[in-house]
């Protein structure tokens, strides 16, 4: 019997970071730590520093909202590096790839010599 067959490892668990409560990879840790910091900061501002509940909620809610927006809008269910590519395209525009808005309407004609 000939053993000319090649054996290839096809275990996809090496490529996955796993999921916790529906969040990919370590995003669950980011969500829990953000919630803990937000609740702690709100409690400190409201009780110890005697802020009103609305200013304390706004000061705490804006950064927490940005973090949750990043987690659920740019990381969850997206490919690796999607958030970096999105910010890069937002700030610098497209660099590689076809962009019809930057193409001339009549390309130059190359004439053979």
Protein backbone atom coordinates (compact mmCIF):
# COMPACT_ATOMS: atom_id res chain seq x y z
CA UNK A 1 0.00 0.00 0.00
CA UNK A 2 1.33 3.41 -1.01
CA UNK A 3 1.16 6.38 1.35
CA UNK A 4 1.50 9.24 -1.13
CA UNK A 5 -1.36 11.13 0.46
CA UNK A 6 -0.52 14.34 2.28
CA UNK A 7 -2.03 14.96 5.68
CA UNK A 8 -3.18 18.54 6.34
CA UNK A 9 -4.28 19.88 9.70
CA UNK A 10 -7.77 21.41 9.31
CA UNK A 11 -8.61 22.34 12.88
CA UNK A 12 -10.25 25.76 12.80
CA UNK A 13 -10.05 26.17 16.57
CA UNK A 14 -6.49 27.43 16.11
CA UNK A 15 -7.85 30.43 14.19
CA UNK A 16 -10.70 31.32 16.55
CA UNK A 17 -10.31 33.41 19.68
CA UNK A 18 -13.57 32.03 21.05
CA UNK A 19 -16.76 33.69 22.24
CA UNK A 20 -18.03 34.71 25.67
CA UNK A 21 -21.69 35.67 26.03
CA UNK A 22 -21.86 36.36 22.30
CA UNK A 23 -18.82 38.65 22.18
CA UNK A 24 -15.80 37.67 20.10
CA UNK A 25 -12.42 37.15 21.77
CA UNK A 26 -11.61 39.43 24.66
CA UNK A 27 -14.37 41.97 23.96
CA UNK A 28 -16.32 40.64 26.95
CA UNK A 29 -13.53 41.83 29.25
CA UNK A 30 -13.59 45.30 27.66
CA UNK A 31 -17.38 45.51 28.10
CA UNK A 32 -17.31 44.40 31.75
CA UNK A 33 -14.38 46.65 32.72
CA UNK A 34 -16.05 49.63 31.00
CA UNK A 35 -19.28 48.98 32.88
CA UNK A 36 -17.41 48.65 36.20
CA UNK A 37 -15.45 51.87 35.66
CA UNK A 38 -18.59 53.74 34.58
CA UNK A 39 -20.61 52.66 37.62
CA UNK A 40 -17.72 53.39 39.99
CA UNK A 41 -17.09 56.82 38.45
CA UNK A 42 -20.77 57.71 38.54
CA UNK A 43 -21.00 56.68 42.19
CA UNK A 44 -17.93 58.74 43.12
CA UNK A 45 -19.11 61.82 41.26
CA UNK A 46 -22.66 61.60 42.59
CA UNK A 47 -21.96 60.79 46.24
CA UNK A 48 -18.49 61.99 47.21
CA UNK A 49 -18.15 65.01 44.91
CA UNK A 50 -21.87 65.91 45.20
CA UNK A 51 -22.51 66.33 41.49
CA UNK A 52 -26.06 66.12 40.24
CA UNK A 53 -27.10 62.84 38.69
CA UNK A 54 -27.45 64.30 35.17
CA UNK A 55 -23.97 65.91 34.92
CA UNK A 56 -22.39 62.81 36.46
CA UNK A 57 -24.26 60.58 34.01
CA UNK A 58 -23.20 62.71 31.03
CA UNK A 59 -19.53 62.83 32.09
CA UNK A 60 -19.47 59.05 32.63
CA UNK A 61 -21.78 58.11 29.77
CA UNK A 62 -19.86 59.77 26.95
CA UNK A 63 -16.61 57.78 27.29
CA UNK A 64 -18.51 54.59 28.07
CA UNK A 65 -20.72 55.15 25.04
CA UNK A 66 -17.68 55.63 22.83
CA UNK A 67 -16.13 52.39 24.11
CA UNK A 68 -19.37 50.45 23.58
CA UNK A 69 -19.73 52.03 20.14
CA UNK A 70 -16.24 50.82 19.27
CA UNK A 71 -16.93 47.32 20.62
CA UNK A 72 -20.32 46.78 18.99
CA UNK A 73 -19.85 48.93 15.89
CA UNK A 74 -16.26 48.31 14.83
CA UNK A 75 -15.09 45.08 16.52
CA UNK A 76 -17.96 42.65 17.13
CA UNK A 77 -18.49 40.37 14.13
CA UNK A 78 -15.96 42.23 11.97
CA UNK A 79 -12.67 41.02 10.50
CA UNK A 80 -9.41 41.64 12.35
CA UNK A 81 -8.20 45.19 11.73
CA UNK A 82 -11.58 46.50 10.53
CA UNK A 83 -11.57 49.33 13.07
CA UNK A 84 -8.07 50.45 12.07
CA UNK A 85 -8.98 50.33 8.37
CA UNK A 86 -12.18 52.28 9.02
CA UNK A 87 -10.35 55.07 10.88
CA UNK A 88 -7.63 55.12 8.23
CA UNK A 89 -10.17 55.46 5.43
CA UNK A 90 -12.04 58.12 7.40
CA UNK A 91 -8.92 60.24 7.93
CA UNK A 92 -6.86 59.61 4.78
CA UNK A 93 -9.34 58.34 2.21
CA UNK A 94 -8.72 55.44 -0.12
CA UNK A 95 -5.16 54.81 -1.12
CA UNK A 96 -5.09 51.35 -2.71
CA UNK A 97 -7.86 50.29 -4.98
CA UNK A 98 -10.04 51.65 -7.71
CA UNK A 99 -11.78 54.92 -6.95
CA UNK A 100 -13.79 56.14 -9.96
CA UNK A 101 -14.00 59.68 -8.57
CA UNK A 102 -10.23 60.12 -8.95
CA UNK A 103 -10.00 58.73 -12.50
CA UNK A 104 -9.71 61.09 -15.46
CA UNK A 105 -12.78 61.22 -17.68
CA UNK A 106 -10.64 60.84 -20.83
CA UNK A 107 -7.45 58.87 -20.20
CA UNK A 108 -4.45 59.83 -22.36
CA UNK A 109 -4.07 57.94 -25.61
CA UNK A 110 -0.81 56.05 -26.00
CA UNK A 111 0.28 55.94 -29.64
CA UNK A 112 2.73 53.33 -30.86
CA UNK A 113 5.97 54.68 -32.27
